[in-house]
Amino acid sequence: MAQSVEQFTEAYTKLLVASWSDESFAQRLRATPEAVAREVGLEIPEGTTVAVVEPTEPGNQDLAE
């Protein structure tokens, strides 16, 4: 069964909050993003590559450039 929007939102929020507040979690996320995303409840299809993108300069959060 596919993940509902509510389930996705809850899991993604967990991932963000943990990565912002726990440096060891953030390091694990950078090292093995698919596994860590699954740990918090995100459904990641097999064969999918997850990339962690971080701003290169403080305050530069616009990834659309």
N, C-alpha and C. Protein backbone atom coordinates (compact mmCIF):
# COMPACT_ATOMS: atom_id res chain seq x y z
N MET A 1 0.84 -1.18 0.00
CA MET A 1 0.00 0.00 0.00
C MET A 1 0.89 1.25 0.00
N ALA A 2 0.54 2.23 -0.80
CA ALA A 2 1.31 3.46 -0.90
C ALA A 2 1.18 4.30 0.38
N GLN A 3 2.21 5.04 0.64
CA GLN A 3 2.24 5.91 1.81
C GLN A 3 1.27 7.08 1.61
N SER A 4 0.47 7.36 2.61
CA SER A 4 -0.46 8.49 2.52
C SER A 4 0.30 9.81 2.67
N VAL A 5 -0.34 10.88 2.28
CA VAL A 5 0.26 12.21 2.42
C VAL A 5 0.55 12.48 3.90
N GLU A 6 -0.37 12.10 4.77
CA GLU A 6 -0.18 12.32 6.20
C GLU A 6 1.03 11.53 6.73
N GLN A 7 1.15 10.28 6.31
CA GLN A 7 2.29 9.46 6.74
C GLN A 7 3.60 10.05 6.23
N PHE A 8 3.60 10.48 4.96
CA PHE A 8 4.80 11.09 4.40
C PHE A 8 5.18 12.35 5.17
N THR A 9 4.19 13.22 5.41
CA THR A 9 4.44 14.48 6.10
C THR A 9 5.00 14.24 7.50
N GLU A 10 4.43 13.29 8.22
CA GLU A 10 4.91 12.97 9.57
C GLU A 10 6.34 12.44 9.54
N ALA A 11 6.62 11.52 8.63
CA ALA A 11 7.97 10.94 8.55
C ALA A 11 8.99 11.98 8.09
N TYR A 12 8.63 12.79 7.10
CA TYR A 12 9.55 13.81 6.59
C TYR A 12 9.84 14.86 7.66
N THR A 13 8.82 15.23 8.42
CA THR A 13 9.02 16.18 9.52
C THR A 13 9.98 15.61 10.55
N LYS A 14 9.81 14.32 10.89
CA LYS A 14 10.74 13.66 11.82
C LYS A 14 12.17 13.73 11.30
N LEU A 15 12.33 13.45 10.01
CA LEU A 15 13.66 13.47 9.39
C LEU A 15 14.29 14.86 9.48
N LEU A 16 13.52 15.89 9.14
CA LEU A 16 14.05 17.25 9.18
C LEU A 16 14.42 17.69 10.58
N VAL A 17 13.51 17.48 11.52
CA VAL A 17 13.77 17.92 12.90
C VAL A 17 14.99 17.20 13.47
N ALA A 18 15.07 15.90 13.24
CA ALA A 18 16.22 15.14 13.76
C ALA A 18 17.52 15.59 13.11
N SER A 19 17.50 15.88 11.82
CA SER A 19 18.73 16.29 11.15
C SER A 19 19.18 17.68 11.59
N TRP A 20 18.24 18.53 11.95
CA TRP A 20 18.57 19.87 12.42
C TRP A 20 19.03 19.87 13.87
N SER A 21 18.56 18.93 14.68
CA SER A 21 18.82 18.98 16.12
C SER A 21 19.81 17.95 16.62
N ASP A 22 20.19 17.00 15.79
CA ASP A 22 21.07 15.91 16.24
C ASP A 22 22.17 15.69 15.19
N GLU A 23 23.36 16.16 15.48
CA GLU A 23 24.46 16.09 14.52
C GLU A 23 24.81 14.65 14.14
N SER A 24 24.73 13.72 15.07
CA SER A 24 25.05 12.33 14.73
C SER A 24 24.00 11.77 13.76
N PHE A 25 22.75 12.15 13.94
CA PHE A 25 21.70 11.75 12.99
C PHE A 25 21.99 12.36 11.62
N ALA A 26 22.34 13.64 11.59
CA ALA A 26 22.64 14.32 10.33
C ALA A 26 23.82 13.65 9.61
N GLN A 27 24.82 13.23 10.36
CA GLN A 27 25.96 12.54 9.75
C GLN A 27 25.53 11.20 9.15
N ARG A 28 24.68 10.47 9.88
CA ARG A 28 24.17 9.20 9.34
C ARG A 28 23.33 9.44 8.10
N LEU A 29 22.53 10.51 8.11
CA LEU A 29 21.69 10.84 6.96
C LEU A 29 22.56 11.13 5.74
N ARG A 30 23.64 11.89 5.93
CA ARG A 30 24.53 12.17 4.80
C ARG A 30 25.22 10.91 4.29
N ALA A 31 25.55 10.00 5.20
CA ALA A 31 26.27 8.78 4.82
C ALA A 31 25.39 7.73 4.16
N THR A 32 24.18 7.54 4.70
CA THR A 32 23.28 6.50 4.18
C THR A 32 21.85 7.03 4.15
N PRO A 33 21.57 7.96 3.24
CA PRO A 33 20.26 8.62 3.25
C PRO A 33 19.06 7.70 3.06
N GLU A 34 19.19 6.70 2.20
CA GLU A 34 18.04 5.80 1.98
C GLU A 34 17.69 5.04 3.26
N ALA A 35 18.71 4.51 3.92
CA ALA A 35 18.48 3.72 5.14
C ALA A 35 17.89 4.59 6.25
N VAL A 36 18.44 5.77 6.43
CA VAL A 36 17.95 6.65 7.50
C VAL A 36 16.53 7.13 7.20
N ALA A 37 16.25 7.43 5.95
CA ALA A 37 14.89 7.83 5.58
C ALA A 37 13.89 6.72 5.88
N ARG A 38 14.29 5.49 5.60
CA ARG A 38 13.40 4.36 5.90
C ARG A 38 13.21 4.21 7.42
N GLU A 39 14.27 4.47 8.19
CA GLU A 39 14.19 4.36 9.66
C GLU A 39 13.09 5.25 10.24
N VAL A 40 12.92 6.45 9.67
CA VAL A 40 11.91 7.37 10.21
C VAL A 40 10.54 7.14 9.61
N GLY A 41 10.44 6.19 8.67
CA GLY A 41 9.14 5.83 8.14
C GLY A 41 8.86 6.27 6.71
N LEU A 42 9.84 6.86 6.03
CA LEU A 42 9.61 7.21 4.63
C LEU A 42 9.72 5.97 3.76
N GLU A 43 8.83 5.84 2.82
CA GLU A 43 8.88 4.72 1.88
C GLU A 43 9.81 5.11 0.73
N ILE A 44 10.93 4.42 0.63
CA ILE A 44 11.90 4.66 -0.43
C ILE A 44 11.93 3.41 -1.30
N PRO A 45 11.47 3.50 -2.54
CA PRO A 45 11.47 2.31 -3.39
C PRO A 45 12.88 1.77 -3.61
N GLU A 46 13.01 0.46 -3.69
CA GLU A 46 14.31 -0.15 -3.97
C GLU A 46 14.86 0.43 -5.27
N GLY A 47 16.16 0.67 -5.28
CA GLY A 47 16.81 1.20 -6.47
C GLY A 47 16.77 2.72 -6.58
N THR A 48 16.07 3.37 -5.65
CA THR A 48 16.00 4.84 -5.65
C THR A 48 17.22 5.40 -4.95
N THR A 49 17.80 6.43 -5.54
CA THR A 49 18.94 7.11 -4.92
C THR A 49 18.43 8.40 -4.28
N VAL A 50 18.77 8.59 -3.02
CA VAL A 50 18.40 9.80 -2.30
C VAL A 50 19.66 10.64 -2.12
N ALA A 51 19.58 11.90 -2.47
CA ALA A 51 20.72 12.81 -2.32
C ALA A 51 20.40 13.83 -1.23
N VAL A 52 21.35 14.06 -0.35
CA VAL A 52 21.21 15.08 0.68
C VAL A 52 21.90 16.33 0.15
N VAL A 53 21.15 17.42 0.02
CA VAL A 53 21.67 18.66 -0.51
C VAL A 53 21.70 19.68 0.61
N GLU A 54 22.87 20.27 0.80
CA GLU A 54 23.03 21.28 1.85
C GLU A 54 23.49 22.59 1.21
N PRO A 55 23.08 23.72 1.78
CA PRO A 55 23.52 25.00 1.24
C PRO A 55 25.04 25.14 1.38
N THR A 56 25.66 25.79 0.40
CA THR A 56 27.11 25.98 0.46
C THR A 56 27.50 27.23 1.22
N GLU A 57 26.55 28.16 1.35
CA GLU A 57 26.80 29.40 2.09
C GLU A 57 25.68 29.61 3.11
N PRO A 58 26.03 30.07 4.30
CA PRO A 58 24.98 30.35 5.29
C PRO A 58 23.95 31.32 4.72
N GLY A 59 22.69 31.00 4.92
CA GLY A 59 21.62 31.87 4.46
C GLY A 59 21.20 31.64 3.03
N ASN A 60 21.95 30.83 2.28
CA ASN A 60 21.60 30.55 0.87
C ASN A 60 20.81 29.27 0.81
N GLN A 61 19.49 29.37 0.95
CA GLN A 61 18.62 28.20 0.98
C GLN A 61 17.91 27.97 -0.35
N ASP A 62 18.15 28.83 -1.35
CA ASP A 62 17.43 28.72 -2.62
C ASP A 62 18.11 27.68 -3.50
N LEU A 63 17.51 26.50 -3.62
CA LEU A 63 18.08 25.42 -4.42
C LEU A 63 17.63 25.50 -5.87
N ALA A 64 16.74 26.45 -6.21
CA ALA A 64 16.21 26.54 -7.56
C ALA A 64 17.13 27.29 -8.50
N GLU A 65 18.19 27.87 -8.00
CA GLU A 65 19.08 28.66 -8.86
C GLU A 65 19.83 27.79 -9.83
